Amino acid sequence: MTIPSPALSSRMLLCILALSLPAQAGTTPTIATGKMLGDTCASCHGTRGKSFDEYMPSLAGIDRKQLIKAMQDYRGDRRASVVMNRIAKGYSDPEIEAIADYFSRIK
């Protein structure tokens, strides 16, 4: 039995990877739901955006446009917050809109 050379193994791996790309190239990336994205806010803003105390703003029932603007301002460093500036940078505009849709519908 012969052991394939490292160069041959690398080429085989590249061929396998190349063959798998076309199947993925035509797929549309999916955006997470507003609920799923909003669940990540629970540790600070409470379950379903209902804050634990008066020191943390509730997100439940917040005006959609207000939340979108706030998140975009945090992301662009136009609104100061050590934590939120970092968190907001991780969200795209469609994700921010999905989060705003989710929290604005909670009563």
PDB file of N, CA and C in Angstrom:
ATOM      1  N   MET A   1       0.842  -1.175   0.000  1.00  0.00           N
ATOM      2  CA  MET A   1       0.000   0.000   0.000  1.00  0.00           C
ATOM      3  C   MET A   1       0.892   1.245   0.000  1.00  0.00           C
ATOM      4  N   THR A   2       0.556   2.187  -0.850  1.00  0.00           N
ATOM      5  CA  THR A   2       1.349   3.409  -0.916  1.00  0.00           C
ATOM      6  C   THR A   2       0.620   4.531  -0.191  1.00  0.00           C
ATOM      7  N   ILE A   3       1.398   5.373   0.410  1.00  0.00           N
ATOM      8  CA  ILE A   3       0.850   6.527   1.116  1.00  0.00           C
ATOM      9  C   ILE A   3       0.933   7.716   0.175  1.00  0.00           C
ATOM     10  N   PRO A   4      -0.182   8.435  -0.036  1.00  0.00           N
ATOM     11  CA  PRO A   4      -0.139   9.584  -0.945  1.00  0.00           C
ATOM     12  C   PRO A   4       0.784  10.667  -0.407  1.00  0.00           C
ATOM     13  N   SER A   5       1.463  11.324  -1.321  1.00  0.00           N
ATOM     14  CA  SER A   5       2.360  12.405  -0.920  1.00  0.00           C
ATOM     15  C   SER A   5       1.536  13.585  -0.410  1.00  0.00           C
ATOM     16  N   PRO A   6       2.132  14.453   0.432  1.00  0.00           N
ATOM     17  CA  PRO A   6       1.406  15.619   0.927  1.00  0.00           C
ATOM     18  C   PRO A   6       0.901  16.511  -0.200  1.00  0.00           C
ATOM     19  N   ALA A   7       1.663  16.634  -1.275  1.00  0.00           N
ATOM     20  CA  ALA A   7       1.245  17.465  -2.403  1.00  0.00           C
ATOM     21  C   ALA A   7       0.003  16.885  -3.057  1.00  0.00           C
ATOM     22  N   LEU A   8      -0.045  15.579  -3.206  1.00  0.00           N
ATOM     23  CA  LEU A   8      -1.200  14.920  -3.811  1.00  0.00           C
ATOM     24  C   LEU A   8      -2.417  15.082  -2.903  1.00  0.00           C
ATOM     25  N   SER A   9      -2.226  14.913  -1.615  1.00  0.00           N
ATOM     26  CA  SER A   9      -3.331  15.080  -0.667  1.00  0.00           C
ATOM     27  C   SER A   9      -3.887  16.498  -0.720  1.00  0.00           C
ATOM     28  N   SER A  10      -3.025  17.473  -0.822  1.00  0.00           N
ATOM     29  CA  SER A  10      -3.457  18.869  -0.907  1.00  0.00           C
ATOM     30  C   SER A  10      -4.257  19.108  -2.176  1.00  0.00           C
ATOM     31  N   ARG A  11      -3.797  18.531  -3.281  1.00  0.00           N
ATOM     32  CA  ARG A  11      -4.520  18.691  -4.550  1.00  0.00           C
ATOM     33  C   ARG A  11      -5.884  18.033  -4.481  1.00  0.00           C
ATOM     34  N   MET A  12      -5.945  16.877  -3.861  1.00  0.00           N
ATOM     35  CA  MET A  12      -7.221  16.174  -3.738  1.00  0.00           C
ATOM     36  C   MET A  12      -8.189  17.001  -2.892  1.00  0.00           C
ATOM     37  N   LEU A  13      -7.693  17.577  -1.825  1.00  0.00           N
ATOM     38  CA  LEU A  13      -8.528  18.401  -0.965  1.00  0.00           C
ATOM     39  C   LEU A  13      -9.035  19.632  -1.716  1.00  0.00           C
ATOM     40  N   LEU A  14      -8.161  20.267  -2.476  1.00  0.00           N
ATOM     41  CA  LEU A  14      -8.572  21.439  -3.263  1.00  0.00           C
ATOM     42  C   LEU A  14      -9.633  21.068  -4.293  1.00  0.00           C
ATOM     43  N   CYS A  15      -9.492  19.909  -4.922  1.00  0.00           N
ATOM     44  CA  CYS A  15     -10.489  19.454  -5.905  1.00  0.00           C
ATOM     45  C   CYS A  15     -11.837  19.227  -5.231  1.00  0.00           C
ATOM     46  N   ILE A  16     -11.818  18.610  -4.080  1.00  0.00           N
ATOM     47  CA  ILE A  16     -13.072  18.359  -3.356  1.00  0.00           C
ATOM     48  C   ILE A  16     -13.736  19.678  -2.971  1.00  0.00           C
ATOM     49  N   LEU A  17     -12.943  20.613  -2.482  1.00  0.00           N
ATOM     50  CA  LEU A  17     -13.490  21.915  -2.115  1.00  0.00           C
ATOM     51  C   LEU A  17     -14.036  22.651  -3.331  1.00  0.00           C
ATOM     52  N   ALA A  18     -13.318  22.602  -4.431  1.00  0.00           N
ATOM     53  CA  ALA A  18     -13.756  23.279  -5.649  1.00  0.00           C
ATOM     54  C   ALA A  18     -15.061  22.691  -6.163  1.00  0.00           C
ATOM     55  N   LEU A  19     -15.216  21.400  -6.056  1.00  0.00           N
ATOM     56  CA  LEU A  19     -16.441  20.763  -6.511  1.00  0.00           C
ATOM     57  C   LEU A  19     -17.632  21.112  -5.629  1.00  0.00           C
ATOM     58  N   SER A  20     -17.389  21.428  -4.399  1.00  0.00           N
ATOM     59  CA  SER A  20     -18.498  21.758  -3.500  1.00  0.00           C
ATOM     60  C   SER A  20     -18.950  23.212  -3.648  1.00  0.00           C
ATOM     61  N   LEU A  21     -18.149  24.081  -4.207  1.00  0.00           N
ATOM     62  CA  LEU A  21     -18.497  25.496  -4.321  1.00  0.00           C
ATOM     63  C   LEU A  21     -19.700  25.777  -5.213  1.00  0.00           C
ATOM     64  N   PRO A  22     -19.796  25.203  -6.411  1.00  0.00           N
ATOM     65  CA  PRO A  22     -20.939  25.551  -7.254  1.00  0.00           C
ATOM     66  C   PRO A  22     -22.287  25.272  -6.604  1.00  0.00           C
ATOM     67  N   ALA A  23     -22.380  24.249  -5.797  1.00  0.00           N
ATOM     68  CA  ALA A  23     -23.643  23.941  -5.140  1.00  0.00           C
ATOM     69  C   ALA A  23     -24.032  25.034  -4.152  1.00  0.00           C
ATOM     70  N   GLN A  24     -23.057  25.686  -3.565  1.00  0.00           N
ATOM     71  CA  GLN A  24     -23.342  26.722  -2.588  1.00  0.00           C
ATOM     72  C   GLN A  24     -23.429  28.104  -3.222  1.00  0.00           C
ATOM     73  N   ALA A  25     -22.852  28.293  -4.375  1.00  0.00           N
ATOM     74  CA  ALA A  25     -22.776  29.610  -4.986  1.00  0.00           C
ATOM     75  C   ALA A  25     -24.151  30.177  -5.311  1.00  0.00           C
ATOM     76  N   GLY A  26     -25.111  29.330  -5.674  1.00  0.00           N
ATOM     77  CA  GLY A  26     -26.422  29.814  -6.065  1.00  0.00           C
ATOM     78  C   GLY A  26     -27.383  29.994  -4.912  1.00  0.00           C
ATOM     79  N   THR A  27     -26.984  29.668  -3.723  1.00  0.00           N
ATOM     80  CA  THR A  27     -27.899  29.781  -2.592  1.00  0.00           C
ATOM     81  C   THR A  27     -27.950  31.207  -2.086  1.00  0.00           C
ATOM     82  N   THR A  28     -29.102  31.601  -1.620  1.00  0.00           N
ATOM     83  CA  THR A  28     -29.291  32.928  -1.067  1.00  0.00           C
ATOM     84  C   THR A  28     -29.042  32.858   0.432  1.00  0.00           C
ATOM     85  N   PRO A  29     -28.215  33.754   0.962  1.00  0.00           N
ATOM     86  CA  PRO A  29     -27.992  33.730   2.403  1.00  0.00           C
ATOM     87  C   PRO A  29     -29.288  34.057   3.133  1.00  0.00           C
ATOM     88  N   THR A  30     -29.534  33.380   4.217  1.00  0.00           N
ATOM     89  CA  THR A  30     -30.749  33.629   4.978  1.00  0.00           C
ATOM     90  C   THR A  30     -30.436  34.538   6.156  1.00  0.00           C
ATOM     91  N   ILE A  31     -31.396  35.342   6.491  1.00  0.00           N
ATOM     92  CA  ILE A  31     -31.248  36.230   7.634  1.00  0.00           C
ATOM     93  C   ILE A  31     -31.956  35.572   8.821  1.00  0.00           C
ATOM     94  N   ALA A  32     -31.360  35.676   9.963  1.00  0.00           N
ATOM     95  CA  ALA A  32     -31.976  35.144  11.169  1.00  0.00           C
ATOM     96  C   ALA A  32     -33.243  35.933  11.470  1.00  0.00           C
ATOM     97  N   THR A  33     -34.175  35.316  12.143  1.00  0.00           N
ATOM     98  CA  THR A  33     -35.419  36.005  12.479  1.00  0.00           C
ATOM     99  C   THR A  33     -35.168  37.067  13.542  1.00  0.00           C
ATOM    100  N   GLY A  34     -36.068  38.026  13.592  1.00  0.00           N
ATOM    101  CA  GLY A  34     -35.967  39.067  14.599  1.00  0.00           C
ATOM    102  C   GLY A  34     -36.030  38.502  16.005  1.00  0.00           C
ATOM    103  N   LYS A  35     -36.843  37.461  16.197  1.00  0.00           N
ATOM    104  CA  LYS A  35     -36.941  36.842  17.513  1.00  0.00           C
ATOM    105  C   LYS A  35     -35.615  36.208  17.900  1.00  0.00           C
ATOM    106  N   MET A  36     -35.010  35.482  16.971  1.00  0.00           N
ATOM    107  CA  MET A  36     -33.735  34.833  17.272  1.00  0.00           C
ATOM    108  C   MET A  36     -32.660  35.884  17.599  1.00  0.00           C
ATOM    109  N   LEU A  37     -32.584  36.921  16.789  1.00  0.00           N
ATOM    110  CA  LEU A  37     -31.615  37.980  17.035  1.00  0.00           C
ATOM    111  C   LEU A  37     -31.945  38.726  18.323  1.00  0.00           C
ATOM    112  N   GLY A  38     -33.225  38.963  18.562  1.00  0.00           N
ATOM    113  CA  GLY A  38     -33.659  39.673  19.761  1.00  0.00           C
ATOM    114  C   GLY A  38     -33.415  38.898  21.044  1.00  0.00           C
ATOM    115  N   ASP A  39     -33.420  37.568  20.943  1.00  0.00           N
ATOM    116  CA  ASP A  39     -33.156  36.748  22.126  1.00  0.00           C
ATOM    117  C   ASP A  39     -31.761  37.004  22.691  1.00  0.00           C
ATOM    118  N   THR A  40     -30.839  37.444  21.847  1.00  0.00           N
ATOM    119  CA  THR A  40     -29.487  37.723  22.333  1.00  0.00           C
ATOM    120  C   THR A  40     -29.440  38.980  23.205  1.00  0.00           C
ATOM    121  N   CYS A  41     -30.495  39.775  23.176  1.00  0.00           N
ATOM    122  CA  CYS A  41     -30.557  41.001  23.970  1.00  0.00           C
ATOM    123  C   CYS A  41     -31.060  40.747  25.390  1.00  0.00           C
ATOM    124  N   ALA A  42     -31.562  39.541  25.640  1.00  0.00           N
ATOM    125  CA  ALA A  42     -32.248  39.234  26.900  1.00  0.00           C
ATOM    126  C   ALA A  42     -31.370  39.376  28.136  1.00  0.00           C
ATOM    127  N   SER A  43     -30.093  39.068  28.033  1.00  0.00           N
ATOM    128  CA  SER A  43     -29.262  39.118  29.240  1.00  0.00           C
ATOM    129  C   SER A  43     -29.172  40.523  29.822  1.00  0.00           C
ATOM    130  N   CYS A  44     -29.292  41.539  28.993  1.00  0.00           N
ATOM    131  CA  CYS A  44     -29.258  42.916  29.494  1.00  0.00           C
ATOM    132  C   CYS A  44     -30.649  43.553  29.541  1.00  0.00           C
ATOM    133  N   HIS A  45     -31.430  43.347  28.483  1.00  0.00           N
ATOM    134  CA  HIS A  45     -32.715  44.037  28.343  1.00  0.00           C
ATOM    135  C   HIS A  45     -33.910  43.207  28.789  1.00  0.00           C
ATOM    136  N   GLY A  46     -33.682  42.002  29.296  1.00  0.00           N
ATOM    137  CA  GLY A  46     -34.758  41.163  29.800  1.00  0.00           C
ATOM    138  C   GLY A  46     -35.373  40.274  28.734  1.00  0.00           C
ATOM    139  N   THR A  47     -36.038  39.232  29.196  1.00  0.00           N
ATOM    140  CA  THR A  47     -36.710  38.299  28.300  1.00  0.00           C
ATOM    141  C   THR A  47     -37.760  39.040  27.489  1.00  0.00           C
ATOM    142  N   ARG A  48     -37.735  38.823  26.190  1.00  0.00           N
ATOM    143  CA  ARG A  48     -38.634  39.498  25.241  1.00  0.00           C
ATOM    144  C   ARG A  48     -38.563  41.024  25.368  1.00  0.00           C
ATOM    145  N   GLY A  49     -37.394  41.529  25.796  1.00  0.00           N
ATOM    146  CA  GLY A  49     -37.171  42.967  25.850  1.00  0.00           C
ATOM    147  C   GLY A  49     -37.815  43.668  27.022  1.00  0.00           C
ATOM    148  N   LYS A  50     -38.272  42.903  28.011  1.00  0.00           N
ATOM    149  CA  LYS A  50     -38.898  43.498  29.199  1.00  0.00           C
ATOM    150  C   LYS A  50     -37.855  43.559  30.308  1.00  0.00           C
ATOM    151  N   SER A  51     -37.358  44.754  30.548  1.00  0.00           N
ATOM    152  CA  SER A  51     -36.218  44.984  31.435  1.00  0.00           C
ATOM    153  C   SER A  51     -36.465  44.525  32.869  1.00  0.00           C
ATOM    154  N   PHE A  52     -35.372  44.150  33.525  1.00  0.00           N
ATOM    155  CA  PHE A  52     -35.406  43.694  34.912  1.00  0.00           C
ATOM    156  C   PHE A  52     -35.590  44.851  35.894  1.00  0.00           C
ATOM    157  N   ASP A  53     -35.047  46.008  35.549  1.00  0.00           N
ATOM    158  CA  ASP A  53     -35.085  47.140  36.475  1.00  0.00           C
ATOM    159  C   ASP A  53     -35.045  48.458  35.708  1.00  0.00           C
ATOM    160  N   GLU A  54     -35.092  49.550  36.454  1.00  0.00           N
ATOM    161  CA  GLU A  54     -35.164  50.880  35.833  1.00  0.00           C
ATOM    162  C   GLU A  54     -33.845  51.347  35.209  1.00  0.00           C
ATOM    163  N   TYR A  55     -32.762  50.636  35.453  1.00  0.00           N
ATOM    164  CA  TYR A  55     -31.461  51.063  34.938  1.00  0.00           C
ATOM    165  C   TYR A  55     -31.192  50.617  33.506  1.00  0.00           C
ATOM    166  N   MET A  56     -31.960  49.652  33.040  1.00  0.00           N
ATOM    167  CA  MET A  56     -31.779  49.133  31.681  1.00  0.00           C
ATOM    168  C   MET A  56     -33.070  49.379  30.903  1.00  0.00           C
ATOM    169  N   PRO A  57     -32.978  50.054  29.769  1.00  0.00           N
ATOM    170  CA  PRO A  57     -34.211  50.342  29.019  1.00  0.00           C
ATOM    171  C   PRO A  57     -34.857  49.069  28.473  1.00  0.00           C
ATOM    172  N   SER A  58     -36.181  49.037  28.540  1.00  0.00           N
ATOM    173  CA  SER A  58     -36.940  47.938  27.931  1.00  0.00           C
ATOM    174  C   SER A  58     -36.995  48.168  26.426  1.00  0.00           C
ATOM    175  N   LEU A  59     -36.962  47.088  25.685  1.00  0.00           N
ATOM    176  CA  LEU A  59     -37.079  47.168  24.240  1.00  0.00           C
ATOM    177  C   LEU A  59     -38.479  46.775  23.774  1.00  0.00           C
ATOM    178  N   ALA A  60     -39.224  46.083  24.617  1.00  0.00           N
ATOM    179  CA  ALA A  60     -40.573  45.638  24.264  1.00  0.00           C
ATOM    180  C   ALA A  60     -41.460  46.846  23.981  1.00  0.00           C
ATOM    181  N   GLY A  61     -42.090  46.847  22.814  1.00  0.00           N
ATOM    182  CA  GLY A  61     -43.000  47.918  22.442  1.00  0.00           C
ATOM    183  C   GLY A  61     -42.333  49.197  21.982  1.00  0.00           C
ATOM    184  N   ILE A  62     -41.022  49.183  21.829  1.00  0.00           N
ATOM    185  CA  ILE A  62     -40.301  50.387  21.402  1.00  0.00           C
ATOM    186  C   ILE A  62     -40.672  50.734  19.955  1.00  0.00           C
ATOM    187  N   ASP A  63     -40.653  52.004  19.646  1.00  0.00           N
ATOM    188  CA  ASP A  63     -40.931  52.443  18.282  1.00  0.00           C
ATOM    189  C   ASP A  63     -39.878  51.875  17.335  1.00  0.00           C
ATOM    190  N   ARG A  64     -40.337  51.261  16.253  1.00  0.00           N
ATOM    191  CA  ARG A  64     -39.451  50.594  15.292  1.00  0.00           C
ATOM    192  C   ARG A  64     -38.371  51.538  14.767  1.00  0.00           C
ATOM    193  N   LYS A  65     -38.774  52.711  14.311  1.00  0.00           N
ATOM    194  CA  LYS A  65     -37.814  53.660  13.736  1.00  0.00           C
ATOM    195  C   LYS A  65     -36.809  54.149  14.779  1.00  0.00           C
ATOM    196  N   GLN A  66     -37.276  54.320  15.992  1.00  0.00           N
ATOM    197  CA  GLN A  66     -36.403  54.763  17.083  1.00  0.00           C
ATOM    198  C   GLN A  66     -35.311  53.722  17.347  1.00  0.00           C
ATOM    199  N   LEU A  67     -35.686  52.452  17.372  1.00  0.00           N
ATOM    200  CA  LEU A  67     -34.707  51.402  17.630  1.00  0.00           C
ATOM    201  C   LEU A  67     -33.722  51.263  16.467  1.00  0.00           C
ATOM    202  N   ILE A  68     -34.218  51.355  15.244  1.00  0.00           N
ATOM    203  CA  ILE A  68     -33.330  51.277  14.080  1.00  0.00           C
ATOM    204  C   ILE A  68     -32.301  52.405  14.137  1.00  0.00           C
ATOM    205  N   LYS A  69     -32.780  53.618  14.397  1.00  0.00           N
ATOM    206  CA  LYS A  69     -31.855  54.763  14.459  1.00  0.00           C
ATOM    207  C   LYS A  69     -30.839  54.581  15.578  1.00  0.00           C
ATOM    208  N   ALA A  70     -31.294  54.149  16.752  1.00  0.00           N
ATOM    209  CA  ALA A  70     -30.382  53.961  17.875  1.00  0.00           C
ATOM    210  C   ALA A  70     -29.314  52.927  17.539  1.00  0.00           C
ATOM    211  N   MET A  71     -29.717  51.798  16.964  1.00  0.00           N
ATOM    212  CA  MET A  71     -28.750  50.746  16.618  1.00  0.00           C
ATOM    213  C   MET A  71     -27.760  51.230  15.562  1.00  0.00           C
ATOM    214  N   GLN A  72     -28.246  51.951  14.572  1.00  0.00           N
ATOM    215  CA  GLN A  72     -27.351  52.475  13.539  1.00  0.00           C
ATOM    216  C   GLN A  72     -26.411  53.530  14.118  1.00  0.00           C
ATOM    217  N   ASP A  73     -26.920  54.326  15.045  1.00  0.00           N
ATOM    218  CA  ASP A  73     -26.067  55.323  15.698  1.00  0.00           C
ATOM    219  C   ASP A  73     -25.002  54.653  16.567  1.00  0.00           C
ATOM    220  N   TYR A  74     -25.373  53.602  17.292  1.00  0.00           N
ATOM    221  CA  TYR A  74     -24.368  52.853  18.066  1.00  0.00           C
ATOM    222  C   TYR A  74     -23.317  52.270  17.133  1.00  0.00           C
ATOM    223  N   ARG A  75     -23.782  51.668  16.049  1.00  0.00           N
ATOM    224  CA  ARG A  75     -22.865  51.030  15.098  1.00  0.00           C
ATOM    225  C   ARG A  75     -21.902  52.044  14.489  1.00  0.00           C
ATOM    226  N   GLY A  76     -22.395  53.241  14.216  1.00  0.00           N
ATOM    227  CA  GLY A  76     -21.570  54.284  13.604  1.00  0.00           C
ATOM    228  C   GLY A  76     -20.831  55.158  14.604  1.00  0.00           C
ATOM    229  N   ASP A  77     -20.856  54.785  15.876  1.00  0.00           N
ATOM    230  CA  ASP A  77     -20.208  55.546  16.955  1.00  0.00           C
ATOM    231  C   ASP A  77     -20.729  56.975  17.076  1.00  0.00           C
ATOM    232  N   ARG A  78     -21.992  57.176  16.709  1.00  0.00           N
ATOM    233  CA  ARG A  78     -22.625  58.489  16.880  1.00  0.00           C
ATOM    234  C   ARG A  78     -23.389  58.559  18.200  1.00  0.00           C
ATOM    235  N   ARG A  79     -23.500  57.430  18.862  1.00  0.00           N
ATOM    236  CA  ARG A  79     -24.151  57.337  20.173  1.00  0.00           C
ATOM    237  C   ARG A  79     -23.226  56.501  21.048  1.00  0.00           C
ATOM    238  N   ALA A  80     -22.905  56.995  22.220  1.00  0.00           N
ATOM    239  CA  ALA A  80     -21.885  56.350  23.047  1.00  0.00           C
ATOM    240  C   ALA A  80     -22.457  55.293  23.983  1.00  0.00           C
ATOM    241  N   SER A  81     -21.816  54.146  23.970  1.00  0.00           N
ATOM    242  CA  SER A  81     -22.086  53.067  24.921  1.00  0.00           C
ATOM    243  C   SER A  81     -20.981  52.033  24.742  1.00  0.00           C
ATOM    244  N   VAL A  82     -20.298  51.723  25.809  1.00  0.00           N
ATOM    245  CA  VAL A  82     -19.182  50.781  25.716  1.00  0.00           C
ATOM    246  C   VAL A  82     -19.644  49.445  25.136  1.00  0.00           C
ATOM    247  N   VAL A  83     -20.778  48.961  25.611  1.00  0.00           N
ATOM    248  CA  VAL A  83     -21.267  47.650  25.185  1.00  0.00           C
ATOM    249  C   VAL A  83     -21.997  47.731  23.845  1.00  0.00           C
ATOM    250  N   MET A  84     -22.956  48.640  23.730  1.00  0.00           N
ATOM    251  CA  MET A  84     -23.797  48.671  22.529  1.00  0.00           C
ATOM    252  C   MET A  84     -23.029  49.058  21.264  1.00  0.00           C
ATOM    253  N   ASN A  85     -22.008  49.874  21.375  1.00  0.00           N
ATOM    254  CA  ASN A  85     -21.216  50.205  20.187  1.00  0.00           C
ATOM    255  C   ASN A  85     -20.591  48.947  19.599  1.00  0.00           C
ATOM    256  N   ARG A  86     -20.122  48.076  20.456  1.00  0.00           N
ATOM    257  CA  ARG A  86     -19.508  46.827  19.981  1.00  0.00           C
ATOM    258  C   ARG A  86     -20.547  45.868  19.437  1.00  0.00           C
ATOM    259  N   ILE A  87     -21.662  45.737  20.131  1.00  0.00           N
ATOM    260  CA  ILE A  87     -22.701  44.803  19.707  1.00  0.00           C
ATOM    261  C   ILE A  87     -23.305  45.226  18.373  1.00  0.00           C
ATOM    262  N   ALA A  88     -23.630  46.488  18.238  1.00  0.00           N
ATOM    263  CA  ALA A  88     -24.299  46.979  17.030  1.00  0.00           C
ATOM    264  C   ALA A  88     -23.454  46.788  15.780  1.00  0.00           C
ATOM    265  N   LYS A  89     -22.152  46.830  15.918  1.00  0.00           N
ATOM    266  CA  LYS A  89     -21.265  46.635  14.756  1.00  0.00           C
ATOM    267  C   LYS A  89     -21.408  45.232  14.156  1.00  0.00           C
ATOM    268  N   GLY A  90     -21.952  44.310  14.910  1.00  0.00           N
ATOM    269  CA  GLY A  90     -22.117  42.945  14.429  1.00  0.00           C
ATOM    270  C   GLY A  90     -23.375  42.715  13.619  1.00  0.00           C
ATOM    271  N   TYR A  91     -24.240  43.721  13.504  1.00  0.00           N
ATOM    272  CA  TYR A  91     -25.512  43.552  12.804  1.00  0.00           C
ATOM    273  C   TYR A  91     -25.544  44.330  11.492  1.00  0.00           C
ATOM    274  N   SER A  92     -26.117  43.712  10.477  1.00  0.00           N
ATOM    275  CA  SER A  92     -26.357  44.377   9.197  1.00  0.00           C
ATOM    276  C   SER A  92     -27.653  45.183   9.301  1.00  0.00           C
ATOM    277  N   ASP A  93     -27.905  46.041   8.327  1.00  0.00           N
ATOM    278  CA  ASP A  93     -29.156  46.809   8.324  1.00  0.00           C
ATOM    279  C   ASP A  93     -30.379  45.891   8.322  1.00  0.00           C
ATOM    280  N   PRO A  94     -30.428  44.844   7.478  1.00  0.00           N
ATOM    281  CA  PRO A  94     -31.602  43.950   7.520  1.00  0.00           C
ATOM    282  C   PRO A  94     -31.779  43.265   8.881  1.00  0.00           C
ATOM    283  N   GLU A  95     -30.691  42.937   9.544  1.00  0.00           N
ATOM    284  CA  GLU A  95     -30.787  42.324  10.866  1.00  0.00           C
ATOM    285  C   GLU A  95     -31.303  43.321  11.901  1.00  0.00           C
ATOM    286  N   ILE A  96     -30.835  44.557  11.840  1.00  0.00           N
ATOM    287  CA  ILE A  96     -31.319  45.604  12.745  1.00  0.00           C
ATOM    288  C   ILE A  96     -32.815  45.822  12.526  1.00  0.00           C
ATOM    289  N   GLU A  97     -33.243  45.838  11.275  1.00  0.00           N
ATOM    290  CA  GLU A  97     -34.662  46.018  10.969  1.00  0.00           C
ATOM    291  C   GLU A  97     -35.491  44.848  11.494  1.00  0.00           C
ATOM    292  N   ALA A  98     -34.960  43.631  11.385  1.00  0.00           N
ATOM    293  CA  ALA A  98     -35.666  42.456  11.904  1.00  0.00           C
ATOM    294  C   ALA A  98     -35.799  42.532  13.424  1.00  0.00           C
ATOM    295  N   ILE A  99     -34.753  42.967  14.103  1.00  0.00           N
ATOM    296  CA  ILE A  99     -34.803  43.136  15.563  1.00  0.00           C
ATOM    297  C   ILE A  99     -35.845  44.196  15.928  1.00  0.00           C
ATOM    298  N   ALA A 100     -35.821  45.304  15.211  1.00  0.00           N
ATOM    299  CA  ALA A 100     -36.779  46.394  15.485  1.00  0.00           C
ATOM    300  C   ALA A 100     -38.205  45.934  15.244  1.00  0.00           C
ATOM    301  N   ASP A 101     -38.429  45.179  14.180  1.00  0.00           N
ATOM    302  CA  ASP A 101     -39.771  44.639  13.903  1.00  0.00           C
ATOM    303  C   ASP A 101     -40.232  43.770  15.060  1.00  0.00           C
ATOM    304  N   TYR A 102     -39.349  42.909  15.530  1.00  0.00           N
ATOM    305  CA  TYR A 102     -39.689  41.985  16.610  1.00  0.00           C
ATOM    306  C   TYR A 102     -40.053  42.732  17.896  1.00  0.00           C
ATOM    307  N   PHE A 103     -39.187  43.629  18.346  1.00  0.00           N
ATOM    308  CA  PHE A 103     -39.451  44.303  19.618  1.00  0.00           C
ATOM    309  C   PHE A 103     -40.615  45.282  19.527  1.00  0.00           C
ATOM    310  N   SER A 104     -40.814  45.919  18.381  1.00  0.00           N
ATOM    311  CA  SER A 104     -41.895  46.892  18.267  1.00  0.00           C
ATOM    312  C   SER A 104     -43.264  46.220  18.335  1.00  0.00           C
ATOM    313  N   ARG A 105     -43.348  44.935  18.047  1.00  0.00           N
ATOM    314  CA  ARG A 105     -44.637  44.224  18.071  1.00  0.00           C
ATOM    315  C   ARG A 105     -44.985  43.648  19.442  1.00  0.00           C
ATOM    316  N   ILE A 106     -44.045  43.654  20.358  1.00  0.00           N
ATOM    317  CA  ILE A 106     -44.309  43.104  21.692  1.00  0.00           C
ATOM    318  C   ILE A 106     -45.025  44.134  22.543  1.00  0.00           C
ATOM    319  N   LYS A 107     -46.078  43.720  23.163  1.00  0.00           N
ATOM    320  CA  LYS A 107     -46.864  44.643  24.028  1.00  0.00           C
ATOM    321  C   LYS A 107     -46.728  44.250  25.464  1.00  0.00           C
TER     322      LYS A 107
END
